[in-house]
């Protein structure tokens, strides 16, 4: 009888722990949604990094290409 009770206690403890972890994850994801933290991360961290990266890339000046340029070769070099 004690073994059955121990197994039941382990199962109940496992279920409680799993539900507790799920509740914490749900609360965390709700906070991210409510305060729009993913959008703020993109706006304040990722976007400035991407702007800096892509604004400093070397590009060919499209105004120096003659009008007779064959289509398909325009920006290939």
PDB file of N, CA and C in Angstrom:
ATOM      1  N   UNK A   1       0.815  -1.189   0.000  1.00  0.00           N
ATOM      2  CA  UNK A   1       0.000   0.000   0.000  1.00  0.00           C
ATOM      3  C   UNK A   1       0.865   1.262   0.000  1.00  0.00           C
ATOM      4  N   UNK A   2       1.994   1.217   0.692  1.00  0.00           N
ATOM      5  CA  UNK A   2       2.868   2.383   0.739  1.00  0.00           C
ATOM      6  C   UNK A   2       3.465   2.677  -0.624  1.00  0.00           C
ATOM      7  N   UNK A   3       3.788   1.614  -1.399  1.00  0.00           N
ATOM      8  CA  UNK A   3       4.362   1.832  -2.726  1.00  0.00           C
ATOM      9  C   UNK A   3       3.370   2.535  -3.642  1.00  0.00           C
ATOM     10  N   UNK A   4       2.127   2.137  -3.581  1.00  0.00           N
ATOM     11  CA  UNK A   4       1.106   2.762  -4.424  1.00  0.00           C
ATOM     12  C   UNK A   4       0.941   4.236  -4.051  1.00  0.00           C
ATOM     13  N   UNK A   5       1.005   4.519  -2.752  1.00  0.00           N
ATOM     14  CA  UNK A   5       0.859   5.893  -2.296  1.00  0.00           C
ATOM     15  C   UNK A   5       2.060   6.739  -2.743  1.00  0.00           C
ATOM     16  N   UNK A   6       3.270   6.146  -2.690  1.00  0.00           N
ATOM     17  CA  UNK A   6       4.469   6.868  -3.124  1.00  0.00           C
ATOM     18  C   UNK A   6       4.397   7.175  -4.612  1.00  0.00           C
ATOM     19  N   UNK A   7       3.948   6.190  -5.400  1.00  0.00           N
ATOM     20  CA  UNK A   7       3.838   6.421  -6.837  1.00  0.00           C
ATOM     21  C   UNK A   7       2.807   7.504  -7.128  1.00  0.00           C
ATOM     22  N   UNK A   8       1.717   7.482  -6.373  1.00  0.00           N
ATOM     23  CA  UNK A   8       0.690   8.491  -6.563  1.00  0.00           C
ATOM     24  C   UNK A   8       1.230   9.870  -6.191  1.00  0.00           C
ATOM     25  N   UNK A   9       1.976   9.945  -5.089  1.00  0.00           N
ATOM     26  CA  UNK A   9       2.567  11.220  -4.680  1.00  0.00           C
ATOM     27  C   UNK A   9       3.537  11.742  -5.728  1.00  0.00           C
ATOM     28  N   UNK A  10       4.328  10.817  -6.320  1.00  0.00           N
ATOM     29  CA  UNK A  10       5.260  11.237  -7.366  1.00  0.00           C
ATOM     30  C   UNK A  10       4.501  11.760  -8.582  1.00  0.00           C
ATOM     31  N   UNK A  11       3.429  11.084  -8.930  1.00  0.00           N
ATOM     32  CA  UNK A  11       2.641  11.510 -10.083  1.00  0.00           C
ATOM     33  C   UNK A  11       1.992  12.863  -9.826  1.00  0.00           C
ATOM     34  N   UNK A  12       1.448  13.036  -8.635  1.00  0.00           N
ATOM     35  CA  UNK A  12       0.811  14.304  -8.293  1.00  0.00           C
ATOM     36  C   UNK A  12       1.845  15.424  -8.268  1.00  0.00           C
ATOM     37  N   UNK A  13       3.006  15.153  -7.717  1.00  0.00           N
ATOM     38  CA  UNK A  13       4.076  16.156  -7.659  1.00  0.00           C
ATOM     39  C   UNK A  13       4.532  16.527  -9.076  1.00  0.00           C
ATOM     40  N   UNK A  14       4.643  15.524  -9.945  1.00  0.00           N
ATOM     41  CA  UNK A  14       5.049  15.774 -11.330  1.00  0.00           C
ATOM     42  C   UNK A  14       4.013  16.646 -12.045  1.00  0.00           C
ATOM     43  N   UNK A  15       2.733  16.324 -11.855  1.00  0.00           N
ATOM     44  CA  UNK A  15       1.672  17.102 -12.497  1.00  0.00           C
ATOM     45  C   UNK A  15       1.667  18.534 -11.966  1.00  0.00           C
ATOM     46  N   UNK A  16       1.822  18.699 -10.664  1.00  0.00           N
ATOM     47  CA  UNK A  16       1.850  20.051 -10.083  1.00  0.00           C
ATOM     48  C   UNK A  16       3.038  20.853 -10.608  1.00  0.00           C
ATOM     49  N   UNK A  17       4.195  20.203 -10.683  1.00  0.00           N
ATOM     50  CA  UNK A  17       5.386  20.889 -11.172  1.00  0.00           C
ATOM     51  C   UNK A  17       5.212  21.283 -12.637  1.00  0.00           C
ATOM     52  N   UNK A  18       4.655  20.380 -13.426  1.00  0.00           N
ATOM     53  CA  UNK A  18       4.426  20.665 -14.842  1.00  0.00           C
ATOM     54  C   UNK A  18       3.430  21.810 -15.011  1.00  0.00           C
ATOM     55  N   UNK A  19       2.356  21.789 -14.252  1.00  0.00           N
ATOM     56  CA  UNK A  19       1.379  22.874 -14.334  1.00  0.00           C
ATOM     57  C   UNK A  19       1.966  24.202 -13.854  1.00  0.00           C
ATOM     58  N   UNK A  20       2.819  24.145 -12.841  1.00  0.00           N
ATOM     59  CA  UNK A  20       3.472  25.368 -12.366  1.00  0.00           C
ATOM     60  C   UNK A  20       4.391  25.967 -13.416  1.00  0.00           C
ATOM     61  N   UNK A  21       5.167  25.108 -14.067  1.00  0.00           N
ATOM     62  CA  UNK A  21       6.057  25.587 -15.129  1.00  0.00           C
ATOM     63  C   UNK A  21       5.247  26.146 -16.288  1.00  0.00           C
ATOM     64  N   UNK A  22       4.158  25.458 -16.646  1.00  0.00           N
ATOM     65  CA  UNK A  22       3.298  25.936 -17.733  1.00  0.00           C
ATOM     66  C   UNK A  22       2.667  27.280 -17.369  1.00  0.00           C
ATOM     67  N   UNK A  23       2.261  27.442 -16.114  1.00  0.00           N
ATOM     68  CA  UNK A  23       1.661  28.712 -15.682  1.00  0.00           C
ATOM     69  C   UNK A  23       2.685  29.841 -15.740  1.00  0.00           C
ATOM     70  N   UNK A  24       3.911  29.573 -15.341  1.00  0.00           N
ATOM     71  CA  UNK A  24       4.957  30.600 -15.431  1.00  0.00           C
ATOM     72  C   UNK A  24       5.247  30.969 -16.878  1.00  0.00           C
ATOM     73  N   UNK A  25       5.307  29.967 -17.741  1.00  0.00           N
ATOM     74  CA  UNK A  25       5.543  30.232 -19.163  1.00  0.00           C
ATOM     75  C   UNK A  25       4.395  31.057 -19.746  1.00  0.00           C
ATOM     76  N   UNK A  26       3.163  30.714 -19.385  1.00  0.00           N
ATOM     77  CA  UNK A  26       2.002  31.456 -19.863  1.00  0.00           C
ATOM     78  C   UNK A  26       2.049  32.906 -19.369  1.00  0.00           C
ATOM     79  N   UNK A  27       2.390  33.092 -18.103  1.00  0.00           N
ATOM     80  CA  UNK A  27       2.472  34.450 -17.551  1.00  0.00           C
ATOM     81  C   UNK A  27       3.571  35.249 -18.257  1.00  0.00           C
ATOM     82  N   UNK A  28       4.692  34.616 -18.503  1.00  0.00           N
ATOM     83  CA  UNK A  28       5.776  35.301 -19.205  1.00  0.00           C
ATOM     84  C   UNK A  28       5.386  35.698 -20.617  1.00  0.00           C
ATOM     85  N   UNK A  29       4.750  34.773 -21.334  1.00  0.00           N
ATOM     86  CA  UNK A  29       4.323  35.083 -22.696  1.00  0.00           C
ATOM     87  C   UNK A  29       3.219  36.140 -22.714  1.00  0.00           C
ATOM     88  N   UNK A  30       2.359  36.124 -21.710  1.00  0.00           N
ATOM     89  CA  UNK A  30       1.335  37.153 -21.617  1.00  0.00           C
ATOM     90  C   UNK A  30       1.969  38.526 -21.412  1.00  0.00           C
ATOM     91  N   UNK A  31       2.982  38.611 -20.568  1.00  0.00           N
ATOM     92  CA  UNK A  31       3.671  39.887 -20.349  1.00  0.00           C
ATOM     93  C   UNK A  31       4.325  40.381 -21.640  1.00  0.00           C
ATOM     94  N   UNK A  32       4.932  39.461 -22.380  1.00  0.00           N
ATOM     95  CA  UNK A  32       5.544  39.836 -23.661  1.00  0.00           C
ATOM     96  C   UNK A  32       4.477  40.396 -24.595  1.00  0.00           C
ATOM     97  N   UNK A  33       3.321  39.740 -24.644  1.00  0.00           N
ATOM     98  CA  UNK A  33       2.239  40.209 -25.508  1.00  0.00           C
ATOM     99  C   UNK A  33       1.658  41.533 -25.007  1.00  0.00           C
ATOM    100  N   UNK A  34       1.364  41.630 -23.726  1.00  0.00           N
ATOM    101  CA  UNK A  34       0.687  42.802 -23.168  1.00  0.00           C
ATOM    102  C   UNK A  34       1.521  44.061 -23.319  1.00  0.00           C
ATOM    103  N   UNK A  35       2.803  43.968 -23.047  1.00  0.00           N
ATOM    104  CA  UNK A  35       3.685  45.131 -23.128  1.00  0.00           C
ATOM    105  C   UNK A  35       4.368  45.260 -24.483  1.00  0.00           C
ATOM    106  N   UNK A  36       4.023  44.403 -25.439  1.00  0.00           N
ATOM    107  CA  UNK A  36       4.582  44.428 -26.800  1.00  0.00           C
ATOM    108  C   UNK A  36       6.112  44.401 -26.770  1.00  0.00           C
ATOM    109  N   UNK A  37       6.654  43.541 -25.952  1.00  0.00           N
ATOM    110  CA  UNK A  37       8.103  43.490 -25.776  1.00  0.00           C
ATOM    111  C   UNK A  37       8.820  42.998 -27.017  1.00  0.00           C
ATOM    112  N   UNK A  38       8.179  42.137 -27.809  1.00  0.00           N
ATOM    113  CA  UNK A  38       8.825  41.668 -29.023  1.00  0.00           C
ATOM    114  C   UNK A  38       8.943  42.805 -30.035  1.00  0.00           C
ATOM    115  N   UNK A  39       7.921  43.638 -30.142  1.00  0.00           N
ATOM    116  CA  UNK A  39       7.988  44.783 -31.046  1.00  0.00           C
ATOM    117  C   UNK A  39       9.011  45.810 -30.585  1.00  0.00           C
ATOM    118  N   UNK A  40       9.082  46.009 -29.278  1.00  0.00           N
ATOM    119  CA  UNK A  40      10.066  46.956 -28.742  1.00  0.00           C
ATOM    120  C   UNK A  40      11.482  46.455 -28.969  1.00  0.00           C
ATOM    121  N   UNK A  41      11.684  45.154 -28.824  1.00  0.00           N
ATOM    122  CA  UNK A  41      12.997  44.579 -29.096  1.00  0.00           C
ATOM    123  C   UNK A  41      13.381  44.803 -30.554  1.00  0.00           C
ATOM    124  N   UNK A  42      12.448  44.545 -31.458  1.00  0.00           N
ATOM    125  CA  UNK A  42      12.743  44.761 -32.871  1.00  0.00           C
ATOM    126  C   UNK A  42      13.015  46.230 -33.165  1.00  0.00           C
ATOM    127  N   UNK A  43      12.217  47.126 -32.574  1.00  0.00           N
ATOM    128  CA  UNK A  43      12.337  48.550 -32.877  1.00  0.00           C
ATOM    129  C   UNK A  43      13.604  49.161 -32.292  1.00  0.00           C
ATOM    130  N   UNK A  44      13.943  48.814 -31.059  1.00  0.00           N
ATOM    131  CA  UNK A  44      15.061  49.470 -30.386  1.00  0.00           C
ATOM    132  C   UNK A  44      16.392  48.747 -30.527  1.00  0.00           C
ATOM    133  N   UNK A  45      16.390  47.467 -30.865  1.00  0.00           N
ATOM    134  CA  UNK A  45      17.648  46.707 -30.922  1.00  0.00           C
ATOM    135  C   UNK A  45      17.941  46.224 -32.334  1.00  0.00           C
ATOM    136  N   UNK A  46      17.019  45.482 -32.910  1.00  0.00           N
ATOM    137  CA  UNK A  46      17.289  44.843 -34.194  1.00  0.00           C
ATOM    138  C   UNK A  46      17.295  45.850 -35.333  1.00  0.00           C
ATOM    139  N   UNK A  47      16.291  46.735 -35.378  1.00  0.00           N
ATOM    140  CA  UNK A  47      16.204  47.675 -36.487  1.00  0.00           C
ATOM    141  C   UNK A  47      17.406  48.619 -36.569  1.00  0.00           C
ATOM    142  N   UNK A  48      17.877  49.224 -35.464  1.00  0.00           N
ATOM    143  CA  UNK A  48      19.072  50.065 -35.580  1.00  0.00           C
ATOM    144  C   UNK A  48      20.296  49.277 -36.043  1.00  0.00           C
ATOM    145  N   UNK A  49      20.413  48.051 -35.579  1.00  0.00           N
ATOM    146  CA  UNK A  49      21.534  47.222 -36.029  1.00  0.00           C
ATOM    147  C   UNK A  49      21.445  46.976 -37.529  1.00  0.00           C
ATOM    148  N   UNK A  50      20.242  46.639 -38.012  1.00  0.00           N
ATOM    149  CA  UNK A  50      20.069  46.364 -39.438  1.00  0.00           C
ATOM    150  C   UNK A  50      20.267  47.630 -40.267  1.00  0.00           C
ATOM    151  N   UNK A  51      19.766  48.768 -39.781  1.00  0.00           N
ATOM    152  CA  UNK A  51      19.962  50.026 -40.508  1.00  0.00           C
ATOM    153  C   UNK A  51      21.457  50.334 -40.623  1.00  0.00           C
ATOM    154  N   UNK A  52      22.153  50.194 -39.513  1.00  0.00           N
ATOM    155  CA  UNK A  52      23.585  50.464 -39.522  1.00  0.00           C
ATOM    156  C   UNK A  52      24.298  49.531 -40.482  1.00  0.00           C
ATOM    157  N   UNK A  53      23.945  48.283 -40.467  1.00  0.00           N
ATOM    158  CA  UNK A  53      24.599  47.298 -41.327  1.00  0.00           C
ATOM    159  C   UNK A  53      24.328  47.585 -42.798  1.00  0.00           C
ATOM    160  N   UNK A  54      23.069  47.783 -43.157  1.00  0.00           N
ATOM    161  CA  UNK A  54      22.722  47.941 -44.568  1.00  0.00           C
ATOM    162  C   UNK A  54      23.015  49.339 -45.088  1.00  0.00           C
ATOM    163  N   UNK A  55      23.031  50.360 -44.241  1.00  0.00           N
ATOM    164  CA  UNK A  55      23.374  51.701 -44.711  1.00  0.00           C
ATOM    165  C   UNK A  55      24.862  51.819 -45.011  1.00  0.00           C
ATOM    166  N   UNK A  56      25.687  50.997 -44.391  1.00  0.00           N
ATOM    167  CA  UNK A  56      27.128  51.069 -44.612  1.00  0.00           C
ATOM    168  C   UNK A  56      27.620  50.119 -45.698  1.00  0.00           C
ATOM    169  N   UNK A  57      26.707  49.418 -46.363  1.00  0.00           N
ATOM    170  CA  UNK A  57      27.111  48.511 -47.434  1.00  0.00           C
ATOM    171  C   UNK A  57      27.556  49.311 -48.652  1.00  0.00           C
ATOM    172  N   UNK A  58      28.542  48.778 -49.363  1.00  0.00           N
ATOM    173  CA  UNK A  58      28.966  49.427 -50.598  1.00  0.00           C
ATOM    174  C   UNK A  58      27.981  49.067 -51.695  1.00  0.00           C
ATOM    175  N   UNK A  59      27.593  50.081 -52.469  1.00  0.00           N
ATOM    176  CA  UNK A  59      26.678  49.858 -53.584  1.00  0.00           C
ATOM    177  C   UNK A  59      27.209  50.584 -54.805  1.00  0.00           C
ATOM    178  N   UNK A  60      26.850  50.031 -55.948  1.00  0.00           N
ATOM    179  CA  UNK A  60      27.191  50.727 -57.180  1.00  0.00           C
ATOM    180  C   UNK A  60      26.248  51.906 -57.358  1.00  0.00           C
ATOM    181  N   UNK A  61      26.759  52.964 -57.941  1.00  0.00           N
ATOM    182  CA  UNK A  61      25.917  54.126 -58.207  1.00  0.00           C
ATOM    183  C   UNK A  61      25.113  53.855 -59.472  1.00  0.00           C
ATOM    184  N   UNK A  62      23.793  53.742 -59.385  1.00  0.00           N
ATOM    185  CA  UNK A  62      23.000  53.423 -60.572  1.00  0.00           C
ATOM    186  C   UNK A  62      22.965  54.554 -61.597  1.00  0.00           C
ATOM    187  N   UNK A  63      23.367  55.760 -61.212  1.00  0.00           N
ATOM    188  CA  UNK A  63      23.346  56.891 -62.130  1.00  0.00           C
ATOM    189  C   UNK A  63      24.528  56.876 -63.084  1.00  0.00           C
ATOM    190  N   UNK A  64      25.533  56.075 -62.806  1.00  0.00           N
ATOM    191  CA  UNK A  64      26.698  56.019 -63.688  1.00  0.00           C
ATOM    192  C   UNK A  64      26.552  54.957 -64.773  1.00  0.00           C
ATOM    193  N   UNK A  65      25.491  54.175 -64.751  1.00  0.00           N
ATOM    194  CA  UNK A  65      25.284  53.109 -65.730  1.00  0.00           C
ATOM    195  C   UNK A  65      24.661  53.710 -66.990  1.00  0.00           C
ATOM    196  N   UNK A  66      25.209  53.423 -68.175  1.00  0.00           N
ATOM    197  CA  UNK A  66      24.637  53.990 -69.412  1.00  0.00           C
ATOM    198  C   UNK A  66      23.256  53.399 -69.710  1.00  0.00           C
ATOM    199  N   UNK A  67      22.480  54.149 -70.514  1.00  0.00           N
ATOM    200  CA  UNK A  67      21.126  53.704 -70.842  1.00  0.00           C
ATOM    201  C   UNK A  67      21.117  52.437 -71.684  1.00  0.00           C
ATOM    202  N   UNK A  68      22.191  52.181 -72.415  1.00  0.00           N
ATOM    203  CA  UNK A  68      22.239  51.027 -73.304  1.00  0.00           C
ATOM    204  C   UNK A  68      22.525  49.723 -72.546  1.00  0.00           C
ATOM    205  N   UNK A  69      22.555  49.783 -71.247  1.00  0.00           N
ATOM    206  CA  UNK A  69      22.874  48.596 -70.437  1.00  0.00           C
ATOM    207  C   UNK A  69      21.889  47.469 -70.755  1.00  0.00           C
ATOM    208  N   UNK A  70      22.433  46.271 -70.977  1.00  0.00           N
ATOM    209  CA  UNK A  70      21.597  45.118 -71.271  1.00  0.00           C
ATOM    210  C   UNK A  70      20.852  44.705 -70.010  1.00  0.00           C
ATOM    211  N   UNK A  71      19.565  44.399 -70.161  1.00  0.00           N
ATOM    212  CA  UNK A  71      18.762  43.998 -69.008  1.00  0.00           C
ATOM    213  C   UNK A  71      19.278  42.665 -68.486  1.00  0.00           C
ATOM    214  N   UNK A  72      19.436  42.540 -67.195  1.00  0.00           N
ATOM    215  CA  UNK A  72      19.939  41.318 -66.588  1.00  0.00           C
ATOM    216  C   UNK A  72      21.369  41.494 -66.102  1.00  0.00           C
ATOM    217  N   UNK A  73      22.113  42.402 -66.707  1.00  0.00           N
ATOM    218  CA  UNK A  73      23.489  42.660 -66.294  1.00  0.00           C
ATOM    219  C   UNK A  73      23.585  43.893 -65.418  1.00  0.00           C
ATOM    220  N   UNK A  74      22.476  44.551 -65.181  1.00  0.00           N
ATOM    221  CA  UNK A  74      22.481  45.876 -64.572  1.00  0.00           C
ATOM    222  C   UNK A  74      23.207  45.926 -63.246  1.00  0.00           C
ATOM    223  N   UNK A  75      22.828  45.124 -62.285  1.00  0.00           N
ATOM    224  CA  UNK A  75      23.453  45.193 -60.978  1.00  0.00           C
ATOM    225  C   UNK A  75      24.242  43.913 -60.664  1.00  0.00           C
ATOM    226  N   UNK A  76      24.681  43.208 -61.672  1.00  0.00           N
ATOM    227  CA  UNK A  76      25.338  41.925 -61.418  1.00  0.00           C
ATOM    228  C   UNK A  76      26.792  42.073 -61.015  1.00  0.00           C
ATOM    229  N   UNK A  77      27.411  43.205 -61.269  1.00  0.00           N
ATOM    230  CA  UNK A  77      28.846  43.348 -60.955  1.00  0.00           C
ATOM    231  C   UNK A  77      29.060  43.862 -59.568  1.00  0.00           C
TER     232      UNK A  77
END
